[in-house]
Protein backbone atom coordinates (compact mmCIF):
# COMPACT_ATOMS: atom_id res chain seq x y z
CA UNK A 1 0.00 0.00 0.00
CA UNK A 2 1.24 3.48 -0.88
CA UNK A 3 1.19 6.61 1.27
CA UNK A 4 -1.17 8.28 -1.23
CA UNK A 5 -3.73 5.52 -0.58
CA UNK A 6 -3.47 6.12 3.16
CA UNK A 7 -4.01 9.87 2.65
CA UNK A 8 -7.21 9.17 0.68
CA UNK A 9 -8.71 7.43 3.72
CA UNK A 10 -8.10 10.44 5.97
CA UNK A 11 -10.31 13.52 6.25
CA UNK A 12 -9.10 16.34 4.06
CA UNK A 13 -8.72 18.99 6.78
CA UNK A 14 -5.19 19.76 5.62
CA UNK A 15 -2.07 19.69 7.73
CA UNK A 16 -2.41 21.38 11.11
CA UNK A 17 0.47 23.81 11.54
CA UNK A 18 1.60 26.41 14.06
CA UNK A 19 4.15 29.17 13.45
CA UNK A 20 7.55 28.82 15.18
CA UNK A 21 6.85 31.86 17.38
CA UNK A 22 3.70 30.35 18.91
CA UNK A 23 3.87 29.59 22.60
CA UNK A 24 3.95 26.01 23.81
CA UNK A 25 0.64 26.74 25.58
CA UNK A 26 -0.94 27.83 22.29
CA UNK A 27 0.30 24.67 20.58
CA UNK A 28 -1.09 22.56 23.44
CA UNK A 29 -4.47 24.25 22.95
CA UNK A 30 -4.39 23.33 19.24
CA UNK A 31 -3.49 19.72 20.05
CA UNK A 32 -6.29 19.52 22.60
CA UNK A 33 -9.00 21.21 20.53
CA UNK A 34 -8.18 19.24 17.38
CA UNK A 35 -7.70 15.98 19.34
CA UNK A 36 -4.38 15.27 17.62
CA UNK A 37 -0.98 14.13 18.85
CA UNK A 38 1.33 16.44 16.92
CA UNK A 39 1.48 19.62 14.88
CA UNK A 40 3.85 20.66 12.16
CA UNK A 41 5.77 23.83 12.95
CA UNK A 42 5.88 25.88 9.76
CA UNK A 43 6.57 29.48 8.85
CA UNK A 44 4.53 29.33 5.65
CA UNK A 45 2.18 26.36 6.10
CA UNK A 46 3.78 24.67 3.09
CA UNK A 47 7.16 23.46 4.31
CA UNK A 48 7.88 21.92 7.71
CA UNK A 49 10.39 23.64 9.99
CA UNK A 50 9.83 21.18 12.82
CA UNK A 51 7.41 18.90 14.63
CA UNK A 52 5.91 19.32 18.07
CA UNK A 53 4.18 16.41 19.76
CA UNK A 54 2.34 15.88 23.02
CA UNK A 55 5.37 13.94 24.18
CA UNK A 56 7.67 16.91 23.53
CA UNK A 57 5.47 19.11 25.70
CA UNK A 58 5.14 16.55 28.50
CA UNK A 59 8.91 15.97 28.48
CA UNK A 60 9.56 19.71 28.94
CA UNK A 61 6.87 20.00 31.61
CA UNK A 62 8.46 17.16 33.53
CA UNK A 63 11.93 18.62 33.15
CA UNK A 64 11.25 22.32 33.73
CA UNK A 65 7.71 22.66 35.02
CA UNK A 66 4.88 24.87 33.77
CA UNK A 67 7.24 27.76 32.98
CA UNK A 68 7.99 26.09 29.63
CA UNK A 69 4.43 26.80 28.46
CA UNK A 70 5.36 30.42 27.76
CA UNK A 71 8.36 29.39 25.61
CA UNK A 72 8.09 29.33 21.83
CA UNK A 73 7.46 26.03 20.09
CA UNK A 74 10.67 26.62 18.17
CA UNK A 75 12.63 26.18 21.40
CA UNK A 76 11.37 22.65 22.06
CA UNK A 77 10.31 21.32 18.65
CA UNK A 78 12.09 18.52 16.86
CA UNK A 79 13.86 20.35 14.06
CA UNK A 80 15.38 17.39 12.29
CA UNK A 81 12.29 16.00 10.59
CA UNK A 82 11.94 13.04 8.33
CA UNK A 83 9.37 13.31 5.54
CA UNK A 84 7.94 10.90 2.99
CA UNK A 85 6.43 11.04 -0.48
CA UNK A 86 3.03 9.93 -1.75
CA UNK A 87 4.72 7.15 -3.70
CA UNK A 88 6.44 5.62 -0.64
CA UNK A 89 5.25 2.21 0.53
CA UNK A 90 3.53 1.85 3.91
CA UNK A 91 5.79 -1.02 5.02
CA UNK A 92 8.89 1.14 4.54
CA UNK A 93 7.27 4.08 6.33
CA UNK A 94 6.33 1.86 9.26
CA UNK A 95 9.93 0.71 9.55
CA UNK A 96 11.26 4.30 9.40
CA UNK A 97 8.84 5.43 12.10
CA UNK A 98 9.60 2.46 14.33
CA UNK A 99 13.37 2.80 14.03
CA UNK A 100 13.25 6.59 14.43
CA UNK A 101 10.85 6.33 17.37
CA UNK A 102 8.44 8.95 16.07
CA UNK A 103 4.76 8.73 15.29
CA UNK A 104 4.05 11.45 12.70
CA UNK A 105 5.46 12.03 9.25
CA UNK A 106 4.77 14.95 6.89
CA UNK A 107 3.99 13.87 3.33
CA UNK A 108 5.69 16.01 0.69
CA UNK A 109 4.96 16.52 -3.02
CA UNK A 110 6.85 18.99 -5.17
CA UNK A 111 8.44 20.61 -2.12
CA UNK A 112 5.18 21.23 -0.23
CA UNK A 113 3.29 19.37 2.48
CA UNK A 114 0.25 17.55 1.17
CA UNK A 115 -0.57 15.57 4.28
CA UNK A 116 0.52 14.12 7.58
CA UNK A 117 0.36 10.45 8.44
CA UNK A 118 0.65 8.82 11.83
CA UNK A 119 1.83 5.37 12.81
CA UNK A 120 -1.83 4.66 13.61
CA UNK A 121 -2.81 5.50 10.02
CA UNK A 122 -0.14 3.15 8.70
CA UNK A 123 -1.08 0.31 11.06
CA UNK A 124 -4.79 0.71 10.20
CA UNK A 125 -3.99 0.57 6.47
CA UNK A 126 -1.78 -2.49 6.92
CA UNK A 127 -4.46 -4.31 8.94
CA UNK A 128 -7.02 -3.56 6.24
CA UNK A 129 -4.63 -4.88 3.61
CA UNK A 130 -4.02 -8.08 5.61
CA UNK A 131 -7.75 -8.60 6.06
CA UNK A 132 -8.33 -8.34 2.31
CA UNK A 133 -5.50 -10.81 1.66
CA UNK A 134 -6.98 -13.23 4.21
CA UNK A 135 -10.42 -13.00 2.61
CA UNK A 136 -8.94 -13.59 -0.85
CA UNK A 137 -7.00 -16.64 0.34
CA UNK A 138 -10.06 -18.07 2.09
CA UNK A 139 -12.06 -17.56 -1.10
CA UNK A 140 -9.41 -19.40 -3.12
CA UNK A 141 -9.31 -22.30 -0.64
CA UNK A 142 -13.09 -22.60 -0.48
CA UNK A 143 -13.40 -22.27 -4.23
CA UNK A 144 -15.22 -18.94 -4.40
C-alpha atoms as a PDB file:
ATOM      1  CA  UNK A   1       0.000   0.000   0.000  1.00  0.00           C
ATOM      2  CA  UNK A   2       1.240   3.478  -0.880  1.00  0.00           C
ATOM      3  CA  UNK A   3       1.185   6.613   1.269  1.00  0.00           C
ATOM      4  CA  UNK A   4      -1.172   8.281  -1.228  1.00  0.00           C
ATOM      5  CA  UNK A   5      -3.727   5.525  -0.583  1.00  0.00           C
ATOM      6  CA  UNK A   6      -3.473   6.121   3.155  1.00  0.00           C
ATOM      7  CA  UNK A   7      -4.007   9.866   2.648  1.00  0.00           C
ATOM      8  CA  UNK A   8      -7.208   9.167   0.677  1.00  0.00           C
ATOM      9  CA  UNK A   9      -8.709   7.430   3.722  1.00  0.00           C
ATOM     10  CA  UNK A  10      -8.104  10.438   5.974  1.00  0.00           C
ATOM     11  CA  UNK A  11     -10.309  13.517   6.254  1.00  0.00           C
ATOM     12  CA  UNK A  12      -9.097  16.343   4.062  1.00  0.00           C
ATOM     13  CA  UNK A  13      -8.716  18.988   6.783  1.00  0.00           C
ATOM     14  CA  UNK A  14      -5.193  19.759   5.622  1.00  0.00           C
ATOM     15  CA  UNK A  15      -2.069  19.685   7.729  1.00  0.00           C
ATOM     16  CA  UNK A  16      -2.414  21.381  11.110  1.00  0.00           C
ATOM     17  CA  UNK A  17       0.471  23.815  11.545  1.00  0.00           C
ATOM     18  CA  UNK A  18       1.595  26.408  14.057  1.00  0.00           C
ATOM     19  CA  UNK A  19       4.151  29.173  13.455  1.00  0.00           C
ATOM     20  CA  UNK A  20       7.549  28.816  15.185  1.00  0.00           C
ATOM     21  CA  UNK A  21       6.846  31.857  17.381  1.00  0.00           C
ATOM     22  CA  UNK A  22       3.703  30.347  18.913  1.00  0.00           C
ATOM     23  CA  UNK A  23       3.867  29.586  22.596  1.00  0.00           C
ATOM     24  CA  UNK A  24       3.949  26.012  23.813  1.00  0.00           C
ATOM     25  CA  UNK A  25       0.642  26.735  25.584  1.00  0.00           C
ATOM     26  CA  UNK A  26      -0.945  27.834  22.288  1.00  0.00           C
ATOM     27  CA  UNK A  27       0.299  24.665  20.580  1.00  0.00           C
ATOM     28  CA  UNK A  28      -1.085  22.557  23.442  1.00  0.00           C
ATOM     29  CA  UNK A  29      -4.471  24.247  22.951  1.00  0.00           C
ATOM     30  CA  UNK A  30      -4.391  23.335  19.236  1.00  0.00           C
ATOM     31  CA  UNK A  31      -3.487  19.718  20.047  1.00  0.00           C
ATOM     32  CA  UNK A  32      -6.293  19.516  22.597  1.00  0.00           C
ATOM     33  CA  UNK A  33      -9.003  21.213  20.535  1.00  0.00           C
ATOM     34  CA  UNK A  34      -8.182  19.236  17.380  1.00  0.00           C
ATOM     35  CA  UNK A  35      -7.703  15.978  19.341  1.00  0.00           C
ATOM     36  CA  UNK A  36      -4.384  15.272  17.618  1.00  0.00           C
ATOM     37  CA  UNK A  37      -0.982  14.126  18.849  1.00  0.00           C
ATOM     38  CA  UNK A  38       1.334  16.443  16.922  1.00  0.00           C
ATOM     39  CA  UNK A  39       1.478  19.623  14.883  1.00  0.00           C
ATOM     40  CA  UNK A  40       3.853  20.661  12.164  1.00  0.00           C
ATOM     41  CA  UNK A  41       5.773  23.830  12.950  1.00  0.00           C
ATOM     42  CA  UNK A  42       5.881  25.877   9.756  1.00  0.00           C
ATOM     43  CA  UNK A  43       6.575  29.481   8.852  1.00  0.00           C
ATOM     44  CA  UNK A  44       4.534  29.331   5.646  1.00  0.00           C
ATOM     45  CA  UNK A  45       2.183  26.358   6.098  1.00  0.00           C
ATOM     46  CA  UNK A  46       3.777  24.668   3.090  1.00  0.00           C
ATOM     47  CA  UNK A  47       7.161  23.457   4.306  1.00  0.00           C
ATOM     48  CA  UNK A  48       7.885  21.921   7.707  1.00  0.00           C
ATOM     49  CA  UNK A  49      10.386  23.639   9.989  1.00  0.00           C
ATOM     50  CA  UNK A  50       9.828  21.177  12.816  1.00  0.00           C
ATOM     51  CA  UNK A  51       7.411  18.902  14.633  1.00  0.00           C
ATOM     52  CA  UNK A  52       5.907  19.321  18.072  1.00  0.00           C
ATOM     53  CA  UNK A  53       4.178  16.410  19.761  1.00  0.00           C
ATOM     54  CA  UNK A  54       2.343  15.875  23.016  1.00  0.00           C
ATOM     55  CA  UNK A  55       5.374  13.941  24.183  1.00  0.00           C
ATOM     56  CA  UNK A  56       7.673  16.906  23.529  1.00  0.00           C
ATOM     57  CA  UNK A  57       5.471  19.112  25.698  1.00  0.00           C
ATOM     58  CA  UNK A  58       5.145  16.551  28.497  1.00  0.00           C
ATOM     59  CA  UNK A  59       8.907  15.970  28.476  1.00  0.00           C
ATOM     60  CA  UNK A  60       9.556  19.706  28.942  1.00  0.00           C
ATOM     61  CA  UNK A  61       6.867  20.004  31.611  1.00  0.00           C
ATOM     62  CA  UNK A  62       8.464  17.160  33.530  1.00  0.00           C
ATOM     63  CA  UNK A  63      11.935  18.623  33.154  1.00  0.00           C
ATOM     64  CA  UNK A  64      11.254  22.319  33.731  1.00  0.00           C
ATOM     65  CA  UNK A  65       7.707  22.665  35.025  1.00  0.00           C
ATOM     66  CA  UNK A  66       4.878  24.873  33.773  1.00  0.00           C
ATOM     67  CA  UNK A  67       7.235  27.764  32.980  1.00  0.00           C
ATOM     68  CA  UNK A  68       7.988  26.092  29.634  1.00  0.00           C
ATOM     69  CA  UNK A  69       4.426  26.804  28.463  1.00  0.00           C
ATOM     70  CA  UNK A  70       5.363  30.423  27.755  1.00  0.00           C
ATOM     71  CA  UNK A  71       8.364  29.392  25.608  1.00  0.00           C
ATOM     72  CA  UNK A  72       8.088  29.329  21.832  1.00  0.00           C
ATOM     73  CA  UNK A  73       7.455  26.030  20.095  1.00  0.00           C
ATOM     74  CA  UNK A  74      10.673  26.618  18.168  1.00  0.00           C
ATOM     75  CA  UNK A  75      12.632  26.177  21.400  1.00  0.00           C
ATOM     76  CA  UNK A  76      11.367  22.647  22.060  1.00  0.00           C
ATOM     77  CA  UNK A  77      10.307  21.323  18.654  1.00  0.00           C
ATOM     78  CA  UNK A  78      12.086  18.521  16.861  1.00  0.00           C
ATOM     79  CA  UNK A  79      13.858  20.354  14.063  1.00  0.00           C
ATOM     80  CA  UNK A  80      15.382  17.387  12.286  1.00  0.00           C
ATOM     81  CA  UNK A  81      12.294  15.999  10.591  1.00  0.00           C
ATOM     82  CA  UNK A  82      11.936  13.043   8.325  1.00  0.00           C
ATOM     83  CA  UNK A  83       9.370  13.308   5.538  1.00  0.00           C
ATOM     84  CA  UNK A  84       7.936  10.900   2.992  1.00  0.00           C
ATOM     85  CA  UNK A  85       6.428  11.044  -0.484  1.00  0.00           C
ATOM     86  CA  UNK A  86       3.027   9.934  -1.754  1.00  0.00           C
ATOM     87  CA  UNK A  87       4.724   7.149  -3.702  1.00  0.00           C
ATOM     88  CA  UNK A  88       6.435   5.618  -0.639  1.00  0.00           C
ATOM     89  CA  UNK A  89       5.246   2.214   0.532  1.00  0.00           C
ATOM     90  CA  UNK A  90       3.533   1.850   3.907  1.00  0.00           C
ATOM     91  CA  UNK A  91       5.795  -1.016   5.020  1.00  0.00           C
ATOM     92  CA  UNK A  92       8.892   1.140   4.544  1.00  0.00           C
ATOM     93  CA  UNK A  93       7.272   4.083   6.331  1.00  0.00           C
ATOM     94  CA  UNK A  94       6.334   1.857   9.263  1.00  0.00           C
ATOM     95  CA  UNK A  95       9.929   0.714   9.553  1.00  0.00           C
ATOM     96  CA  UNK A  96      11.261   4.297   9.398  1.00  0.00           C
ATOM     97  CA  UNK A  97       8.835   5.434  12.100  1.00  0.00           C
ATOM     98  CA  UNK A  98       9.597   2.458  14.330  1.00  0.00           C
ATOM     99  CA  UNK A  99      13.370   2.797  14.029  1.00  0.00           C
ATOM    100  CA  UNK A 100      13.254   6.587  14.427  1.00  0.00           C
ATOM    101  CA  UNK A 101      10.851   6.333  17.372  1.00  0.00           C
ATOM    102  CA  UNK A 102       8.443   8.950  16.067  1.00  0.00           C
ATOM    103  CA  UNK A 103       4.761   8.729  15.286  1.00  0.00           C
ATOM    104  CA  UNK A 104       4.051  11.446  12.704  1.00  0.00           C
ATOM    105  CA  UNK A 105       5.459  12.033   9.247  1.00  0.00           C
ATOM    106  CA  UNK A 106       4.769  14.951   6.890  1.00  0.00           C
ATOM    107  CA  UNK A 107       3.993  13.866   3.334  1.00  0.00           C
ATOM    108  CA  UNK A 108       5.690  16.014   0.688  1.00  0.00           C
ATOM    109  CA  UNK A 109       4.959  16.523  -3.015  1.00  0.00           C
ATOM    110  CA  UNK A 110       6.855  18.990  -5.175  1.00  0.00           C
ATOM    111  CA  UNK A 111       8.439  20.615  -2.117  1.00  0.00           C
ATOM    112  CA  UNK A 112       5.182  21.230  -0.235  1.00  0.00           C
ATOM    113  CA  UNK A 113       3.291  19.372   2.482  1.00  0.00           C
ATOM    114  CA  UNK A 114       0.249  17.551   1.171  1.00  0.00           C
ATOM    115  CA  UNK A 115      -0.568  15.568   4.280  1.00  0.00           C
ATOM    116  CA  UNK A 116       0.523  14.124   7.581  1.00  0.00           C
ATOM    117  CA  UNK A 117       0.359  10.450   8.444  1.00  0.00           C
ATOM    118  CA  UNK A 118       0.648   8.820  11.832  1.00  0.00           C
ATOM    119  CA  UNK A 119       1.834   5.372  12.809  1.00  0.00           C
ATOM    120  CA  UNK A 120      -1.829   4.660  13.607  1.00  0.00           C
ATOM    121  CA  UNK A 121      -2.812   5.495  10.022  1.00  0.00           C
ATOM    122  CA  UNK A 122      -0.136   3.147   8.701  1.00  0.00           C
ATOM    123  CA  UNK A 123      -1.084   0.307  11.064  1.00  0.00           C
ATOM    124  CA  UNK A 124      -4.786   0.706  10.201  1.00  0.00           C
ATOM    125  CA  UNK A 125      -3.988   0.566   6.473  1.00  0.00           C
ATOM    126  CA  UNK A 126      -1.780  -2.490   6.919  1.00  0.00           C
ATOM    127  CA  UNK A 127      -4.456  -4.315   8.944  1.00  0.00           C
ATOM    128  CA  UNK A 128      -7.015  -3.555   6.239  1.00  0.00           C
ATOM    129  CA  UNK A 129      -4.631  -4.884   3.608  1.00  0.00           C
ATOM    130  CA  UNK A 130      -4.015  -8.079   5.612  1.00  0.00           C
ATOM    131  CA  UNK A 131      -7.753  -8.598   6.064  1.00  0.00           C
ATOM    132  CA  UNK A 132      -8.327  -8.339   2.305  1.00  0.00           C
ATOM    133  CA  UNK A 133      -5.499 -10.813   1.657  1.00  0.00           C
ATOM    134  CA  UNK A 134      -6.982 -13.228   4.215  1.00  0.00           C
ATOM    135  CA  UNK A 135     -10.416 -12.997   2.607  1.00  0.00           C
ATOM    136  CA  UNK A 136      -8.944 -13.591  -0.855  1.00  0.00           C
ATOM    137  CA  UNK A 137      -7.000 -16.640   0.340  1.00  0.00           C
ATOM    138  CA  UNK A 138     -10.063 -18.074   2.089  1.00  0.00           C
ATOM    139  CA  UNK A 139     -12.060 -17.563  -1.099  1.00  0.00           C
ATOM    140  CA  UNK A 140      -9.405 -19.402  -3.116  1.00  0.00           C
ATOM    141  CA  UNK A 141      -9.308 -22.296  -0.644  1.00  0.00           C
ATOM    142  CA  UNK A 142     -13.090 -22.602  -0.477  1.00  0.00           C
ATOM    143  CA  UNK A 143     -13.398 -22.272  -4.233  1.00  0.00           C
ATOM    144  CA  UNK A 144     -15.220 -18.942  -4.399  1.00  0.00           C
END
